[in-house]
Amino acid sequence: PVGMGCSVQEARTFINNFWATYPMHKEWVKRMQHDIVTKGYLRTDSGRVMRFPAVLDHKELRQAINFPVSAPASDQNLYSMIELAPLLRQYNSYIILNIHDALVVEPDRRYRKEVAALMREVMERVRFPDFPVVRIELKVGDNLGEVKKYA
């Protein structure tokens, strides 16, 4: 068995079925691979550039293809954090952590409702051309282990 817990033939069948099911994704991946190899970099809609001076193996190439998908979400979060930090002070609330696609905020309990509304307004703003609205999920709790979805 290989990493999927199946035979090599079963894995090949799974991969072939995947690409047959998602032909547009297959073409996009091929374009990204071509750009990585020929240009040596990829650029996101937000303008972030990641350079690939040498792609040495297939695993690194797969990781590089993740960049145009994950970077804009991270950029959206970062821009929101920069905008939110000074606005939250009026509610005696502060950003504690930025974790890739999440912001951890310590809100003053007296202003929980206002902080939630402000976070939703800022974080759901469209920031880049042709970038979709990103709906956020707010969770509230006394600590990270006890958070529950907030309406």
N, C-alpha and C. Protein backbone atom coordinates (compact mmCIF):
# COMPACT_ATOMS: atom_id res chain seq x y z
N PRO A 1 0.82 -1.21 0.00
CA PRO A 1 0.00 0.00 0.00
C PRO A 1 0.86 1.27 0.00
N VAL A 2 0.33 2.29 -0.64
CA VAL A 2 0.98 3.60 -0.64
C VAL A 2 0.26 4.48 0.36
N GLY A 3 0.59 5.77 0.41
CA GLY A 3 0.07 6.69 1.41
C GLY A 3 -1.42 6.70 1.61
N MET A 4 -2.19 6.32 0.62
CA MET A 4 -3.65 6.32 0.75
C MET A 4 -4.18 5.01 1.33
N GLY A 5 -3.30 4.05 1.58
CA GLY A 5 -3.74 2.77 2.12
C GLY A 5 -4.37 1.89 1.06
N CYS A 6 -3.90 2.05 -0.17
CA CYS A 6 -4.42 1.23 -1.27
C CYS A 6 -3.26 0.87 -2.19
N SER A 7 -3.54 0.07 -3.18
CA SER A 7 -2.49 -0.32 -4.11
C SER A 7 -2.16 0.85 -5.04
N VAL A 8 -1.03 0.75 -5.70
CA VAL A 8 -0.62 1.79 -6.65
C VAL A 8 -1.66 1.91 -7.76
N GLN A 9 -2.19 0.81 -8.24
CA GLN A 9 -3.19 0.85 -9.30
C GLN A 9 -4.47 1.56 -8.84
N GLU A 10 -4.90 1.26 -7.61
CA GLU A 10 -6.09 1.94 -7.07
C GLU A 10 -5.83 3.44 -6.92
N ALA A 11 -4.62 3.81 -6.51
CA ALA A 11 -4.27 5.22 -6.39
C ALA A 11 -4.29 5.90 -7.75
N ARG A 12 -3.73 5.23 -8.76
CA ARG A 12 -3.75 5.79 -10.13
C ARG A 12 -5.18 5.99 -10.62
N THR A 13 -6.03 5.03 -10.36
CA THR A 13 -7.44 5.14 -10.76
C THR A 13 -8.10 6.32 -10.08
N PHE A 14 -7.84 6.49 -8.78
CA PHE A 14 -8.40 7.61 -8.04
C PHE A 14 -7.94 8.94 -8.65
N ILE A 15 -6.65 9.07 -8.91
CA ILE A 15 -6.10 10.31 -9.47
C ILE A 15 -6.67 10.56 -10.86
N ASN A 16 -6.74 9.56 -11.69
CA ASN A 16 -7.30 9.72 -13.05
C ASN A 16 -8.76 10.15 -12.99
N ASN A 17 -9.52 9.55 -12.08
CA ASN A 17 -10.93 9.93 -11.92
C ASN A 17 -11.06 11.37 -11.43
N PHE A 18 -10.17 11.78 -10.53
CA PHE A 18 -10.19 13.16 -10.03
C PHE A 18 -10.00 14.14 -11.18
N TRP A 19 -8.94 13.95 -11.99
CA TRP A 19 -8.68 14.87 -13.09
C TRP A 19 -9.78 14.83 -14.14
N ALA A 20 -10.39 13.67 -14.35
CA ALA A 20 -11.50 13.57 -15.31
C ALA A 20 -12.73 14.33 -14.80
N THR A 21 -12.90 14.35 -13.49
CA THR A 21 -14.05 15.03 -12.89
C THR A 21 -13.87 16.55 -12.87
N TYR A 22 -12.62 17.01 -12.76
CA TYR A 22 -12.33 18.44 -12.64
C TYR A 22 -11.37 18.92 -13.73
N PRO A 23 -11.80 18.91 -14.98
CA PRO A 23 -10.88 19.27 -16.07
C PRO A 23 -10.43 20.74 -16.03
N MET A 24 -11.29 21.64 -15.56
CA MET A 24 -10.88 23.05 -15.48
C MET A 24 -9.78 23.23 -14.44
N HIS A 25 -9.90 22.50 -13.34
CA HIS A 25 -8.86 22.56 -12.31
C HIS A 25 -7.55 22.00 -12.87
N LYS A 26 -7.64 20.95 -13.65
CA LYS A 26 -6.44 20.36 -14.25
C LYS A 26 -5.74 21.37 -15.15
N GLU A 27 -6.50 22.10 -15.96
CA GLU A 27 -5.91 23.12 -16.84
C GLU A 27 -5.29 24.25 -16.03
N TRP A 28 -5.97 24.67 -14.96
CA TRP A 28 -5.44 25.73 -14.10
C TRP A 28 -4.11 25.29 -13.49
N VAL A 29 -4.06 24.06 -12.98
CA VAL A 29 -2.83 23.53 -12.38
C VAL A 29 -1.71 23.52 -13.42
N LYS A 30 -2.03 23.10 -14.63
CA LYS A 30 -1.01 23.08 -15.69
C LYS A 30 -0.49 24.48 -15.98
N ARG A 31 -1.41 25.48 -16.01
CA ARG A 31 -0.97 26.87 -16.23
C ARG A 31 -0.06 27.36 -15.11
N MET A 32 -0.43 27.03 -13.86
CA MET A 32 0.39 27.45 -12.72
C MET A 32 1.77 26.79 -12.79
N GLN A 33 1.79 25.50 -13.10
CA GLN A 33 3.07 24.80 -13.21
C GLN A 33 3.93 25.42 -14.31
N HIS A 34 3.32 25.74 -15.42
CA HIS A 34 4.04 26.37 -16.53
C HIS A 34 4.63 27.71 -16.10
N ASP A 35 3.82 28.53 -15.42
CA ASP A 35 4.29 29.84 -14.96
C ASP A 35 5.43 29.70 -13.95
N ILE A 36 5.31 28.74 -13.05
CA ILE A 36 6.35 28.53 -12.04
C ILE A 36 7.67 28.18 -12.72
N VAL A 37 7.60 27.26 -13.67
CA VAL A 37 8.81 26.77 -14.31
C VAL A 37 9.40 27.82 -15.27
N THR A 38 8.54 28.50 -16.03
CA THR A 38 9.06 29.43 -17.04
C THR A 38 9.36 30.82 -16.49
N LYS A 39 8.50 31.35 -15.63
CA LYS A 39 8.71 32.70 -15.07
C LYS A 39 9.54 32.66 -13.79
N GLY A 40 9.35 31.61 -13.02
CA GLY A 40 10.05 31.53 -11.75
C GLY A 40 9.33 32.23 -10.61
N TYR A 41 8.08 32.65 -10.85
CA TYR A 41 7.31 33.31 -9.79
C TYR A 41 5.82 33.21 -10.10
N LEU A 42 5.00 33.46 -9.08
CA LEU A 42 3.56 33.60 -9.23
C LEU A 42 3.15 34.90 -8.53
N ARG A 43 2.11 35.56 -9.06
CA ARG A 43 1.60 36.80 -8.47
C ARG A 43 0.12 36.63 -8.21
N THR A 44 -0.32 37.03 -7.00
CA THR A 44 -1.73 36.94 -6.65
C THR A 44 -2.45 38.21 -7.10
N ASP A 45 -3.79 38.18 -7.05
CA ASP A 45 -4.58 39.37 -7.39
C ASP A 45 -4.31 40.52 -6.43
N SER A 46 -3.86 40.20 -5.22
CA SER A 46 -3.56 41.25 -4.25
C SER A 46 -2.17 41.84 -4.47
N GLY A 47 -1.43 41.26 -5.42
CA GLY A 47 -0.12 41.80 -5.75
C GLY A 47 1.05 41.08 -5.10
N ARG A 48 0.77 40.13 -4.23
CA ARG A 48 1.86 39.41 -3.58
C ARG A 48 2.56 38.51 -4.58
N VAL A 49 3.88 38.47 -4.50
CA VAL A 49 4.68 37.65 -5.41
C VAL A 49 5.44 36.62 -4.60
N MET A 50 5.46 35.40 -5.11
CA MET A 50 6.30 34.37 -4.52
C MET A 50 7.22 33.87 -5.62
N ARG A 51 8.50 33.90 -5.33
CA ARG A 51 9.51 33.49 -6.31
C ARG A 51 9.92 32.04 -6.08
N PHE A 52 10.18 31.37 -7.18
CA PHE A 52 10.61 29.98 -7.15
C PHE A 52 11.87 29.87 -8.00
N PRO A 53 13.02 30.18 -7.43
CA PRO A 53 14.24 30.17 -8.24
C PRO A 53 14.57 28.78 -8.77
N ALA A 54 14.17 27.76 -8.03
CA ALA A 54 14.39 26.39 -8.50
C ALA A 54 13.32 25.51 -7.88
N VAL A 55 12.55 24.87 -8.73
CA VAL A 55 11.58 23.88 -8.25
C VAL A 55 12.25 22.53 -8.49
N LEU A 56 12.56 21.87 -7.39
CA LEU A 56 13.39 20.69 -7.48
C LEU A 56 12.63 19.38 -7.64
N ASP A 57 11.42 19.31 -7.11
CA ASP A 57 10.70 18.05 -7.22
C ASP A 57 9.19 18.30 -7.30
N HIS A 58 8.46 17.22 -7.53
CA HIS A 58 7.01 17.30 -7.71
C HIS A 58 6.31 17.81 -6.45
N LYS A 59 6.81 17.43 -5.28
CA LYS A 59 6.20 17.87 -4.03
C LYS A 59 6.30 19.40 -3.89
N GLU A 60 7.46 19.96 -4.19
CA GLU A 60 7.63 21.42 -4.13
C GLU A 60 6.73 22.12 -5.15
N LEU A 61 6.56 21.54 -6.31
CA LEU A 61 5.68 22.11 -7.33
C LEU A 61 4.24 22.12 -6.84
N ARG A 62 3.79 21.04 -6.21
CA ARG A 62 2.43 21.00 -5.64
C ARG A 62 2.25 22.06 -4.56
N GLN A 63 3.26 22.23 -3.71
CA GLN A 63 3.18 23.26 -2.66
C GLN A 63 3.12 24.65 -3.27
N ALA A 64 3.86 24.88 -4.33
CA ALA A 64 3.87 26.18 -4.99
C ALA A 64 2.49 26.50 -5.58
N ILE A 65 1.80 25.50 -6.07
CA ILE A 65 0.47 25.70 -6.65
C ILE A 65 -0.54 26.12 -5.59
N ASN A 66 -0.28 25.81 -4.34
CA ASN A 66 -1.16 26.24 -3.25
C ASN A 66 -1.09 27.75 -3.02
N PHE A 67 0.01 28.38 -3.39
CA PHE A 67 0.22 29.81 -3.11
C PHE A 67 -0.89 30.71 -3.65
N PRO A 68 -1.29 30.61 -4.93
CA PRO A 68 -2.32 31.53 -5.41
C PRO A 68 -3.70 31.32 -4.78
N VAL A 69 -3.89 30.20 -4.11
CA VAL A 69 -5.16 29.93 -3.44
C VAL A 69 -5.12 30.44 -2.00
N SER A 70 -4.07 30.13 -1.28
CA SER A 70 -4.01 30.48 0.14
C SER A 70 -3.56 31.92 0.39
N ALA A 71 -2.72 32.47 -0.45
CA ALA A 71 -2.19 33.82 -0.20
C ALA A 71 -3.27 34.90 -0.20
N PRO A 72 -4.22 34.92 -1.15
CA PRO A 72 -5.24 35.97 -1.10
C PRO A 72 -6.10 35.92 0.17
N ALA A 73 -6.40 34.73 0.66
CA ALA A 73 -7.17 34.62 1.90
C ALA A 73 -6.36 35.18 3.07
N SER A 74 -5.09 34.88 3.10
CA SER A 74 -4.22 35.41 4.13
C SER A 74 -4.10 36.93 4.00
N ASP A 75 -3.98 37.43 2.77
CA ASP A 75 -3.89 38.88 2.54
C ASP A 75 -5.17 39.58 2.99
N GLN A 76 -6.31 38.98 2.69
CA GLN A 76 -7.60 39.54 3.12
C GLN A 76 -7.62 39.68 4.63
N ASN A 77 -7.15 38.68 5.31
CA ASN A 77 -7.11 38.69 6.77
C ASN A 77 -6.13 39.75 7.29
N LEU A 78 -4.97 39.84 6.67
CA LEU A 78 -3.96 40.80 7.10
C LEU A 78 -4.44 42.24 6.92
N TYR A 79 -5.03 42.54 5.76
CA TYR A 79 -5.56 43.88 5.51
C TYR A 79 -6.66 44.22 6.52
N SER A 80 -7.49 43.25 6.82
CA SER A 80 -8.55 43.47 7.81
C SER A 80 -7.96 43.75 9.18
N MET A 81 -6.92 43.01 9.54
CA MET A 81 -6.28 43.21 10.83
C MET A 81 -5.70 44.62 10.94
N ILE A 82 -5.04 45.08 9.90
CA ILE A 82 -4.45 46.42 9.90
C ILE A 82 -5.53 47.49 10.06
N GLU A 83 -6.66 47.29 9.40
CA GLU A 83 -7.75 48.25 9.50
C GLU A 83 -8.46 48.17 10.86
N LEU A 84 -8.62 46.96 11.37
CA LEU A 84 -9.37 46.77 12.61
C LEU A 84 -8.62 47.24 13.86
N ALA A 85 -7.32 47.05 13.90
CA ALA A 85 -6.56 47.31 15.13
C ALA A 85 -6.86 48.68 15.74
N PRO A 86 -6.77 49.78 15.00
CA PRO A 86 -7.07 51.07 15.63
C PRO A 86 -8.56 51.27 15.92
N LEU A 87 -9.43 50.65 15.11
CA LEU A 87 -10.87 50.81 15.32
C LEU A 87 -11.36 50.11 16.58
N LEU A 88 -10.72 49.01 16.92
CA LEU A 88 -11.13 48.23 18.10
C LEU A 88 -10.82 48.95 19.41
N ARG A 89 -9.85 49.86 19.38
CA ARG A 89 -9.46 50.56 20.62
C ARG A 89 -10.62 51.31 21.25
N GLN A 90 -11.52 51.85 20.39
CA GLN A 90 -12.66 52.60 20.94
C GLN A 90 -13.56 51.71 21.80
N TYR A 91 -13.43 50.40 21.63
CA TYR A 91 -14.23 49.44 22.40
C TYR A 91 -13.36 48.70 23.42
N ASN A 92 -12.19 49.26 23.72
CA ASN A 92 -11.27 48.66 24.68
C ASN A 92 -11.01 47.19 24.33
N SER A 93 -10.83 46.93 23.03
CA SER A 93 -10.65 45.57 22.51
C SER A 93 -9.40 45.53 21.64
N TYR A 94 -8.76 44.36 21.58
CA TYR A 94 -7.47 44.27 20.91
C TYR A 94 -7.32 42.96 20.15
N ILE A 95 -6.59 43.02 19.05
CA ILE A 95 -6.25 41.80 18.29
C ILE A 95 -5.09 41.13 19.03
N ILE A 96 -5.27 39.85 19.28
CA ILE A 96 -4.26 39.07 19.99
C ILE A 96 -3.38 38.28 19.01
N LEU A 97 -4.03 37.64 18.04
CA LEU A 97 -3.31 36.79 17.08
C LEU A 97 -3.90 36.91 15.69
N ASN A 98 -3.05 36.75 14.70
CA ASN A 98 -3.47 36.59 13.31
C ASN A 98 -2.95 35.22 12.90
N ILE A 99 -3.85 34.29 12.67
CA ILE A 99 -3.46 32.92 12.32
C ILE A 99 -3.98 32.62 10.93
N HIS A 100 -3.16 32.85 9.92
CA HIS A 100 -3.45 32.59 8.51
C HIS A 100 -4.82 33.11 8.06
N ASP A 101 -5.90 32.48 8.46
CA ASP A 101 -7.23 32.92 8.00
C ASP A 101 -8.15 33.25 9.17
N ALA A 102 -7.58 33.54 10.34
CA ALA A 102 -8.39 33.84 11.51
C ALA A 102 -7.76 34.96 12.32
N LEU A 103 -8.60 35.77 12.91
CA LEU A 103 -8.15 36.79 13.85
C LEU A 103 -8.68 36.42 15.23
N VAL A 104 -7.82 36.47 16.21
CA VAL A 104 -8.23 36.24 17.59
C VAL A 104 -8.22 37.60 18.27
N VAL A 105 -9.39 38.00 18.78
CA VAL A 105 -9.56 39.32 19.37
C VAL A 105 -9.99 39.16 20.82
N GLU A 106 -9.44 40.01 21.67
CA GLU A 106 -9.90 40.04 23.06
C GLU A 106 -10.82 41.25 23.20
N PRO A 107 -12.15 41.01 23.14
CA PRO A 107 -13.09 42.13 23.24
C PRO A 107 -13.46 42.42 24.69
N ASP A 108 -13.70 43.66 24.95
CA ASP A 108 -14.27 44.05 26.24
C ASP A 108 -15.70 43.50 26.24
N ARG A 109 -16.07 42.75 27.25
CA ARG A 109 -17.40 42.11 27.28
C ARG A 109 -18.54 43.11 27.12
N ARG A 110 -18.33 44.33 27.60
CA ARG A 110 -19.39 45.35 27.49
C ARG A 110 -19.71 45.70 26.04
N TYR A 111 -18.73 45.46 25.14
CA TYR A 111 -18.90 45.87 23.74
C TYR A 111 -18.87 44.69 22.77
N ARG A 112 -19.18 43.50 23.25
CA ARG A 112 -19.12 42.32 22.40
C ARG A 112 -19.92 42.48 21.10
N LYS A 113 -21.12 43.00 21.24
CA LYS A 113 -22.00 43.16 20.09
C LYS A 113 -21.41 44.16 19.07
N GLU A 114 -20.90 45.27 19.55
CA GLU A 114 -20.32 46.28 18.67
C GLU A 114 -19.04 45.77 17.99
N VAL A 115 -18.22 45.05 18.75
CA VAL A 115 -16.99 44.48 18.20
C VAL A 115 -17.32 43.46 17.11
N ALA A 116 -18.30 42.62 17.36
CA ALA A 116 -18.71 41.62 16.36
C ALA A 116 -19.20 42.30 15.08
N ALA A 117 -20.01 43.33 15.23
CA ALA A 117 -20.52 44.05 14.05
C ALA A 117 -19.39 44.71 13.28
N LEU A 118 -18.46 45.33 14.00
CA LEU A 118 -17.32 45.99 13.35
C LEU A 118 -16.44 44.97 12.62
N MET A 119 -16.18 43.85 13.26
CA MET A 119 -15.36 42.82 12.63
C MET A 119 -16.02 42.29 11.36
N ARG A 120 -17.31 42.06 11.43
CA ARG A 120 -18.02 41.57 10.24
C ARG A 120 -17.95 42.60 9.11
N GLU A 121 -18.19 43.86 9.45
CA GLU A 121 -18.17 44.93 8.43
C GLU A 121 -16.80 45.03 7.76
N VAL A 122 -15.74 45.04 8.54
CA VAL A 122 -14.39 45.21 8.00
C VAL A 122 -13.91 43.96 7.29
N MET A 123 -14.10 42.80 7.90
CA MET A 123 -13.53 41.58 7.34
C MET A 123 -14.27 41.07 6.11
N GLU A 124 -15.52 41.47 5.93
CA GLU A 124 -16.28 41.00 4.75
C GLU A 124 -16.19 41.99 3.59
N ARG A 125 -15.41 43.03 3.74
CA ARG A 125 -15.23 44.02 2.67
C ARG A 125 -14.41 43.41 1.53
N VAL A 126 -14.80 43.66 0.29
CA VAL A 126 -14.04 43.19 -0.87
C VAL A 126 -12.81 44.08 -0.98
N ARG A 127 -11.64 43.47 -1.07
CA ARG A 127 -10.39 44.22 -1.05
C ARG A 127 -9.61 44.17 -2.36
N PHE A 128 -9.86 43.18 -3.19
CA PHE A 128 -9.08 43.01 -4.41
C PHE A 128 -10.02 42.84 -5.60
N PRO A 129 -9.62 43.26 -6.79
CA PRO A 129 -10.47 43.11 -7.97
C PRO A 129 -10.85 41.66 -8.21
N ASP A 130 -12.10 41.44 -8.53
CA ASP A 130 -12.61 40.10 -8.85
C ASP A 130 -12.48 39.11 -7.69
N PHE A 131 -12.30 39.60 -6.49
CA PHE A 131 -12.19 38.73 -5.32
C PHE A 131 -13.57 38.65 -4.69
N PRO A 132 -14.04 37.47 -4.35
CA PRO A 132 -15.40 37.35 -3.81
C PRO A 132 -15.51 37.90 -2.39
N VAL A 133 -16.72 38.17 -1.97
CA VAL A 133 -16.97 38.53 -0.58
C VAL A 133 -16.66 37.30 0.26
N VAL A 134 -15.89 37.49 1.30
CA VAL A 134 -15.54 36.38 2.19
C VAL A 134 -16.41 36.51 3.44
N ARG A 135 -17.34 35.61 3.60
CA ARG A 135 -18.22 35.60 4.77
C ARG A 135 -17.43 35.04 5.95
N ILE A 136 -17.48 35.72 7.05
CA ILE A 136 -16.71 35.26 8.20
C ILE A 136 -17.62 34.53 9.19
N GLU A 137 -17.00 33.69 9.98
CA GLU A 137 -17.70 33.00 11.04
C GLU A 137 -17.14 33.53 12.35
N LEU A 138 -17.99 34.19 13.11
CA LEU A 138 -17.58 34.74 14.40
C LEU A 138 -17.83 33.72 15.50
N LYS A 139 -16.85 33.57 16.37
CA LYS A 139 -16.98 32.70 17.52
C LYS A 139 -16.57 33.49 18.75
N VAL A 140 -17.25 33.25 19.85
CA VAL A 140 -17.01 33.99 21.09
C VAL A 140 -16.91 33.01 22.24
N GLY A 141 -16.00 33.29 23.17
CA GLY A 141 -15.87 32.47 24.36
C GLY A 141 -14.89 33.08 25.33
N ASP A 142 -14.87 32.58 26.54
CA ASP A 142 -13.96 33.11 27.55
C ASP A 142 -12.51 32.70 27.31
N ASN A 143 -12.31 31.64 26.52
CA ASN A 143 -10.97 31.24 26.11
C ASN A 143 -11.09 30.46 24.80
N LEU A 144 -9.96 30.18 24.15
CA LEU A 144 -10.00 29.52 22.84
C LEU A 144 -10.63 28.13 22.89
N GLY A 145 -10.56 27.47 24.03
CA GLY A 145 -11.14 26.14 24.15
C GLY A 145 -12.64 26.13 24.34
N GLU A 146 -13.22 27.30 24.58
CA GLU A 146 -14.66 27.36 24.87
C GLU A 146 -15.44 28.26 23.91
N VAL A 147 -14.89 28.50 22.71
CA VAL A 147 -15.60 29.38 21.79
C VAL A 147 -16.81 28.69 21.17
N LYS A 148 -17.84 29.49 20.95
CA LYS A 148 -19.07 29.01 20.30
C LYS A 148 -19.45 30.01 19.22
N LYS A 149 -20.11 29.51 18.20
CA LYS A 149 -20.53 30.36 17.09
C LYS A 149 -21.39 31.53 17.59
N TYR A 150 -21.11 32.70 17.06
CA TYR A 150 -21.81 33.92 17.44
C TYR A 150 -22.68 34.36 16.26
N ALA A 151 -23.93 34.62 16.49
CA ALA A 151 -24.86 34.96 15.41
C ALA A 151 -24.52 36.20 14.69
